[in-house]
Amino acid sequence: MSFVKENKIVMIRLPPYSPELNPIEQYWKNNKNYLATKLYFDKKGLVGEVKKTLRKDILVPDISDY
């Protein structure tokens, strides 16, 4: 806590349930929407596509406004 005070960091408390304010929730939402548009024939194909989506920079939310 002393680091916070020394650097004059302002802590902002989020409401208990606010997924729209949590960047990781937006990231998973983007990944789910992307994966929903693909066609999978087996579990191996789905797992492969999930691994690819986790590497796509375009699915990372813009958090500059947070």
PDB file of N, CA and C in Angstrom:
ATOM      1  N   MET A   1       0.818  -1.191   0.000  1.00  0.00           N
ATOM      2  CA  MET A   1       0.000   0.000   0.000  1.00  0.00           C
ATOM      3  C   MET A   1       0.864   1.257   0.000  1.00  0.00           C
ATOM      4  N   SER A   2       2.062   1.180   0.556  1.00  0.00           N
ATOM      5  CA  SER A   2       2.923   2.359   0.590  1.00  0.00           C
ATOM      6  C   SER A   2       3.343   2.764  -0.825  1.00  0.00           C
ATOM      7  N   PHE A   3       3.512   1.777  -1.727  1.00  0.00           N
ATOM      8  CA  PHE A   3       3.847   2.095  -3.112  1.00  0.00           C
ATOM      9  C   PHE A   3       2.757   2.954  -3.734  1.00  0.00           C
ATOM     10  N   VAL A   4       1.523   2.610  -3.445  1.00  0.00           N
ATOM     11  CA  VAL A   4       0.380   3.352  -3.975  1.00  0.00           C
ATOM     12  C   VAL A   4       0.408   4.792  -3.459  1.00  0.00           C
ATOM     13  N   LYS A   5       0.634   4.955  -2.174  1.00  0.00           N
ATOM     14  CA  LYS A   5       0.666   6.297  -1.585  1.00  0.00           C
ATOM     15  C   LYS A   5       1.853   7.100  -2.085  1.00  0.00           C
ATOM     16  N   GLU A   6       3.016   6.478  -2.159  1.00  0.00           N
ATOM     17  CA  GLU A   6       4.230   7.169  -2.615  1.00  0.00           C
ATOM     18  C   GLU A   6       4.093   7.674  -4.045  1.00  0.00           C
ATOM     19  N   ASN A   7       3.418   6.917  -4.883  1.00  0.00           N
ATOM     20  CA  ASN A   7       3.270   7.279  -6.294  1.00  0.00           C
ATOM     21  C   ASN A   7       1.962   7.979  -6.596  1.00  0.00           C
ATOM     22  N   LYS A   8       1.220   8.303  -5.548  1.00  0.00           N
ATOM     23  CA  LYS A   8      -0.046   9.037  -5.668  1.00  0.00           C
ATOM     24  C   LYS A   8      -1.000   8.379  -6.662  1.00  0.00           C
ATOM     25  N   ILE A   9      -1.111   7.063  -6.537  1.00  0.00           N
ATOM     26  CA  ILE A   9      -2.002   6.301  -7.407  1.00  0.00           C
ATOM     27  C   ILE A   9      -3.403   6.332  -6.807  1.00  0.00           C
ATOM     28  N   VAL A  10      -4.382   6.654  -7.629  1.00  0.00           N
ATOM     29  CA  VAL A  10      -5.766   6.699  -7.177  1.00  0.00           C
ATOM     30  C   VAL A  10      -6.408   5.343  -7.470  1.00  0.00           C
ATOM     31  N   MET A  11      -6.908   4.707  -6.433  1.00  0.00           N
ATOM     32  CA  MET A  11      -7.575   3.421  -6.579  1.00  0.00           C
ATOM     33  C   MET A  11      -9.051   3.664  -6.867  1.00  0.00           C
ATOM     34  N   ILE A  12      -9.563   2.970  -7.860  1.00  0.00           N
ATOM     35  CA  ILE A  12     -10.971   3.099  -8.216  1.00  0.00           C
ATOM     36  C   ILE A  12     -11.634   1.748  -7.985  1.00  0.00           C
ATOM     37  N   ARG A  13     -12.617   1.734  -7.157  1.00  0.00           N
ATOM     38  CA  ARG A  13     -13.353   0.488  -6.881  1.00  0.00           C
ATOM     39  C   ARG A  13     -14.445   0.302  -7.930  1.00  0.00           C
ATOM     40  N   LEU A  14     -14.522  -0.916  -8.440  1.00  0.00           N
ATOM     41  CA  LEU A  14     -15.544  -1.246  -9.424  1.00  0.00           C
ATOM     42  C   LEU A  14     -16.768  -1.808  -8.711  1.00  0.00           C
ATOM     43  N   PRO A  15     -17.935  -1.658  -9.321  1.00  0.00           N
ATOM     44  CA  PRO A  15     -19.128  -2.302  -8.750  1.00  0.00           C
ATOM     45  C   PRO A  15     -18.905  -3.818  -8.677  1.00  0.00           C
ATOM     46  N   PRO A  16     -19.610  -4.521  -7.782  1.00  0.00           N
ATOM     47  CA  PRO A  16     -19.388  -5.960  -7.593  1.00  0.00           C
ATOM     48  C   PRO A  16     -19.463  -6.779  -8.889  1.00  0.00           C
ATOM     49  N   TYR A  17     -20.420  -6.508  -9.725  1.00  0.00           N
ATOM     50  CA  TYR A  17     -20.533  -7.241 -10.987  1.00  0.00           C
ATOM     51  C   TYR A  17     -20.568  -6.236 -12.121  1.00  0.00           C
ATOM     52  N   SER A  18     -19.448  -6.120 -12.808  1.00  0.00           N
ATOM     53  CA  SER A  18     -19.371  -5.151 -13.904  1.00  0.00           C
ATOM     54  C   SER A  18     -18.464  -5.685 -15.009  1.00  0.00           C
ATOM     55  N   PRO A  19     -18.902  -6.726 -15.738  1.00  0.00           N
ATOM     56  CA  PRO A  19     -18.051  -7.319 -16.772  1.00  0.00           C
ATOM     57  C   PRO A  19     -17.675  -6.346 -17.885  1.00  0.00           C
ATOM     58  N   GLU A  20     -18.504  -5.347 -18.129  1.00  0.00           N
ATOM     59  CA  GLU A  20     -18.176  -4.386 -19.197  1.00  0.00           C
ATOM     60  C   GLU A  20     -16.973  -3.512 -18.825  1.00  0.00           C
ATOM     61  N   LEU A  21     -16.613  -3.482 -17.556  1.00  0.00           N
ATOM     62  CA  LEU A  21     -15.461  -2.690 -17.111  1.00  0.00           C
ATOM     63  C   LEU A  21     -14.205  -3.538 -16.947  1.00  0.00           C
ATOM     64  N   ASN A  22     -14.320  -4.824 -17.130  1.00  0.00           N
ATOM     65  CA  ASN A  22     -13.206  -5.742 -16.942  1.00  0.00           C
ATOM     66  C   ASN A  22     -12.666  -6.168 -18.312  1.00  0.00           C
ATOM     67  N   PRO A  23     -11.441  -5.768 -18.670  1.00  0.00           N
ATOM     68  CA  PRO A  23     -10.901  -6.076 -20.001  1.00  0.00           C
ATOM     69  C   PRO A  23     -10.872  -7.561 -20.354  1.00  0.00           C
ATOM     70  N   ILE A  24     -10.631  -8.447 -19.380  1.00  0.00           N
ATOM     71  CA  ILE A  24     -10.579  -9.871 -19.699  1.00  0.00           C
ATOM     72  C   ILE A  24     -11.943 -10.384 -20.135  1.00  0.00           C
ATOM     73  N   GLU A  25     -13.012  -9.832 -19.595  1.00  0.00           N
ATOM     74  CA  GLU A  25     -14.359 -10.231 -20.006  1.00  0.00           C
ATOM     75  C   GLU A  25     -14.614  -9.840 -21.459  1.00  0.00           C
ATOM     76  N   GLN A  26     -14.147  -8.678 -21.853  1.00  0.00           N
ATOM     77  CA  GLN A  26     -14.292  -8.239 -23.242  1.00  0.00           C
ATOM     78  C   GLN A  26     -13.462  -9.126 -24.176  1.00  0.00           C
ATOM     79  N   TYR A  27     -12.289  -9.532 -23.701  1.00  0.00           N
ATOM     80  CA  TYR A  27     -11.418 -10.410 -24.489  1.00  0.00           C
ATOM     81  C   TYR A  27     -12.110 -11.746 -24.764  1.00  0.00           C
ATOM     82  N   TRP A  28     -12.687 -12.360 -23.718  1.00  0.00           N
ATOM     83  CA  TRP A  28     -13.375 -13.636 -23.905  1.00  0.00           C
ATOM     84  C   TRP A  28     -14.618 -13.474 -24.773  1.00  0.00           C
ATOM     85  N   LYS A  29     -15.302 -12.363 -24.633  1.00  0.00           N
ATOM     86  CA  LYS A  29     -16.470 -12.098 -25.474  1.00  0.00           C
ATOM     87  C   LYS A  29     -16.059 -12.046 -26.945  1.00  0.00           C
ATOM     88  N   ASN A  30     -14.966 -11.347 -27.234  1.00  0.00           N
ATOM     89  CA  ASN A  30     -14.469 -11.253 -28.613  1.00  0.00           C
ATOM     90  C   ASN A  30     -14.093 -12.633 -29.149  1.00  0.00           C
ATOM     91  N   ASN A  31     -13.426 -13.444 -28.334  1.00  0.00           N
ATOM     92  CA  ASN A  31     -13.033 -14.783 -28.756  1.00  0.00           C
ATOM     93  C   ASN A  31     -14.248 -15.667 -29.005  1.00  0.00           C
ATOM     94  N   LYS A  32     -15.221 -15.623 -28.114  1.00  0.00           N
ATOM     95  CA  LYS A  32     -16.428 -16.438 -28.297  1.00  0.00           C
ATOM     96  C   LYS A  32     -17.174 -16.043 -29.565  1.00  0.00           C
ATOM     97  N   ASN A  33     -17.289 -14.742 -29.816  1.00  0.00           N
ATOM     98  CA  ASN A  33     -17.976 -14.285 -31.025  1.00  0.00           C
ATOM     99  C   ASN A  33     -17.230 -14.732 -32.280  1.00  0.00           C
ATOM    100  N   TYR A  34     -15.918 -14.685 -32.259  1.00  0.00           N
ATOM    101  CA  TYR A  34     -15.111 -15.117 -33.403  1.00  0.00           C
ATOM    102  C   TYR A  34     -15.284 -16.618 -33.630  1.00  0.00           C
ATOM    103  N   LEU A  35     -15.199 -17.399 -32.556  1.00  0.00           N
ATOM    104  CA  LEU A  35     -15.306 -18.854 -32.679  1.00  0.00           C
ATOM    105  C   LEU A  35     -16.702 -19.292 -33.111  1.00  0.00           C
ATOM    106  N   ALA A  36     -17.711 -18.519 -32.792  1.00  0.00           N
ATOM    107  CA  ALA A  36     -19.087 -18.872 -33.146  1.00  0.00           C
ATOM    108  C   ALA A  36     -19.331 -18.819 -34.650  1.00  0.00           C
ATOM    109  N   THR A  37     -18.457 -18.147 -35.392  1.00  0.00           N
ATOM    110  CA  THR A  37     -18.640 -18.022 -36.835  1.00  0.00           C
ATOM    111  C   THR A  37     -17.908 -19.108 -37.617  1.00  0.00           C
ATOM    112  N   LYS A  38     -17.234 -20.004 -36.916  1.00  0.00           N
ATOM    113  CA  LYS A  38     -16.448 -21.059 -37.562  1.00  0.00           C
ATOM    114  C   LYS A  38     -17.185 -22.391 -37.511  1.00  0.00           C
ATOM    115  N   LEU A  39     -16.770 -23.303 -38.382  1.00  0.00           N
ATOM    116  CA  LEU A  39     -17.367 -24.634 -38.453  1.00  0.00           C
ATOM    117  C   LEU A  39     -16.331 -25.654 -37.989  1.00  0.00           C
ATOM    118  N   TYR A  40     -16.711 -26.533 -37.068  1.00  0.00           N
ATOM    119  CA  TYR A  40     -15.794 -27.536 -36.526  1.00  0.00           C
ATOM    120  C   TYR A  40     -16.376 -28.912 -36.775  1.00  0.00           C
ATOM    121  N   PHE A  41     -15.513 -29.830 -37.171  1.00  0.00           N
ATOM    122  CA  PHE A  41     -15.967 -31.188 -37.448  1.00  0.00           C
ATOM    123  C   PHE A  41     -15.613 -32.162 -36.338  1.00  0.00           C
ATOM    124  N   ASP A  42     -14.665 -31.765 -35.489  1.00  0.00           N
ATOM    125  CA  ASP A  42     -14.285 -32.615 -34.363  1.00  0.00           C
ATOM    126  C   ASP A  42     -13.643 -31.766 -33.266  1.00  0.00           C
ATOM    127  N   LYS A  43     -13.400 -32.404 -32.145  1.00  0.00           N
ATOM    128  CA  LYS A  43     -12.826 -31.701 -30.988  1.00  0.00           C
ATOM    129  C   LYS A  43     -11.435 -31.165 -31.304  1.00  0.00           C
ATOM    130  N   LYS A  44     -10.653 -31.916 -32.052  1.00  0.00           N
ATOM    131  CA  LYS A  44      -9.296 -31.497 -32.407  1.00  0.00           C
ATOM    132  C   LYS A  44      -9.326 -30.202 -33.218  1.00  0.00           C
ATOM    133  N   GLY A  45     -10.278 -30.086 -34.128  1.00  0.00           N
ATOM    134  CA  GLY A  45     -10.416 -28.867 -34.927  1.00  0.00           C
ATOM    135  C   GLY A  45     -10.800 -27.669 -34.075  1.00  0.00           C
ATOM    136  N   LEU A  46     -11.700 -27.891 -33.119  1.00  0.00           N
ATOM    137  CA  LEU A  46     -12.116 -26.821 -32.213  1.00  0.00           C
ATOM    138  C   LEU A  46     -10.947 -26.355 -31.350  1.00  0.00           C
ATOM    139  N   VAL A  47     -10.225 -27.302 -30.776  1.00  0.00           N
ATOM    140  CA  VAL A  47      -9.077 -26.956 -29.919  1.00  0.00           C
ATOM    141  C   VAL A  47      -8.031 -26.188 -30.725  1.00  0.00           C
ATOM    142  N   GLY A  48      -7.782 -26.606 -31.939  1.00  0.00           N
ATOM    143  CA  GLY A  48      -6.817 -25.911 -32.795  1.00  0.00           C
ATOM    144  C   GLY A  48      -7.243 -24.484 -33.087  1.00  0.00           C
ATOM    145  N   GLU A  49      -8.511 -24.298 -33.353  1.00  0.00           N
ATOM    146  CA  GLU A  49      -9.021 -22.955 -33.647  1.00  0.00           C
ATOM    147  C   GLU A  49      -8.975 -22.060 -32.407  1.00  0.00           C
ATOM    148  N   VAL A  50      -9.268 -22.629 -31.241  1.00  0.00           N
ATOM    149  CA  VAL A  50      -9.185 -21.856 -29.991  1.00  0.00           C
ATOM    150  C   VAL A  50      -7.759 -21.392 -29.766  1.00  0.00           C
ATOM    151  N   LYS A  51      -6.798 -22.268 -29.976  1.00  0.00           N
ATOM    152  CA  LYS A  51      -5.387 -21.893 -29.809  1.00  0.00           C
ATOM    153  C   LYS A  51      -5.002 -20.762 -30.766  1.00  0.00           C
ATOM    154  N   LYS A  52      -5.533 -20.810 -31.994  1.00  0.00           N
ATOM    155  CA  LYS A  52      -5.244 -19.733 -32.957  1.00  0.00           C
ATOM    156  C   LYS A  52      -5.861 -18.415 -32.523  1.00  0.00           C
ATOM    157  N   THR A  53      -7.091 -18.467 -32.022  1.00  0.00           N
ATOM    158  CA  THR A  53      -7.756 -17.217 -31.635  1.00  0.00           C
ATOM    159  C   THR A  53      -7.058 -16.553 -30.455  1.00  0.00           C
ATOM    160  N   LEU A  54      -6.487 -17.358 -29.569  1.00  0.00           N
ATOM    161  CA  LEU A  54      -5.798 -16.795 -28.411  1.00  0.00           C
ATOM    162  C   LEU A  54      -4.533 -16.026 -28.812  1.00  0.00           C
ATOM    163  N   ARG A  55      -4.058 -16.247 -30.034  1.00  0.00           N
ATOM    164  CA  ARG A  55      -2.866 -15.545 -30.518  1.00  0.00           C
ATOM    165  C   ARG A  55      -3.207 -14.338 -31.397  1.00  0.00           C
ATOM    166  N   LYS A  56      -4.478 -14.130 -31.699  1.00  0.00           N
ATOM    167  CA  LYS A  56      -4.870 -13.037 -32.601  1.00  0.00           C
ATOM    168  C   LYS A  56      -4.942 -11.706 -31.850  1.00  0.00           C
ATOM    169  N   ASP A  57      -4.142 -10.756 -32.274  1.00  0.00           N
ATOM    170  CA  ASP A  57      -4.139  -9.434 -31.644  1.00  0.00           C
ATOM    171  C   ASP A  57      -5.442  -8.675 -31.872  1.00  0.00           C
ATOM    172  N   ILE A  58      -6.137  -8.961 -32.961  1.00  0.00           N
ATOM    173  CA  ILE A  58      -7.362  -8.213 -33.267  1.00  0.00           C
ATOM    174  C   ILE A  58      -8.471  -8.483 -32.266  1.00  0.00           C
ATOM    175  N   LEU A  59      -8.369  -9.588 -31.517  1.00  0.00           N
ATOM    176  CA  LEU A  59      -9.398  -9.936 -30.554  1.00  0.00           C
ATOM    177  C   LEU A  59      -9.154  -9.312 -29.178  1.00  0.00           C
ATOM    178  N   VAL A  60      -7.987  -8.703 -28.983  1.00  0.00           N
ATOM    179  CA  VAL A  60      -7.669  -8.063 -27.706  1.00  0.00           C
ATOM    180  C   VAL A  60      -8.415  -6.736 -27.644  1.00  0.00           C
ATOM    181  N   PRO A  61      -9.187  -6.497 -26.577  1.00  0.00           N
ATOM    182  CA  PRO A  61      -9.961  -5.258 -26.501  1.00  0.00           C
ATOM    183  C   PRO A  61      -9.058  -4.038 -26.347  1.00  0.00           C
ATOM    184  N   ASP A  62      -9.520  -2.918 -26.834  1.00  0.00           N
ATOM    185  CA  ASP A  62      -8.814  -1.662 -26.668  1.00  0.00           C
ATOM    186  C   ASP A  62      -9.099  -1.164 -25.248  1.00  0.00           C
ATOM    187  N   ILE A  63      -8.086  -1.142 -24.404  1.00  0.00           N
ATOM    188  CA  ILE A  63      -8.306  -0.778 -23.010  1.00  0.00           C
ATOM    189  C   ILE A  63      -7.821   0.628 -22.704  1.00  0.00           C
ATOM    190  N   SER A  64      -7.587   1.424 -23.715  1.00  0.00           N
ATOM    191  CA  SER A  64      -7.110   2.800 -23.474  1.00  0.00           C
ATOM    192  C   SER A  64      -8.150   3.664 -22.788  1.00  0.00           C
ATOM    193  N   ASP A  65      -9.422   3.292 -22.881  1.00  0.00           N
ATOM    194  CA  ASP A  65     -10.474   4.082 -22.259  1.00  0.00           C
ATOM    195  C   ASP A  65     -10.773   3.635 -20.830  1.00  0.00           C
ATOM    196  N   TYR A  66     -10.093   2.627 -20.348  1.00  0.00           N
ATOM    197  CA  TYR A  66     -10.369   2.118 -18.997  1.00  0.00           C
ATOM    198  C   TYR A  66      -9.703   2.990 -17.969  1.00  0.00           C
TER     199      TYR A  66
END
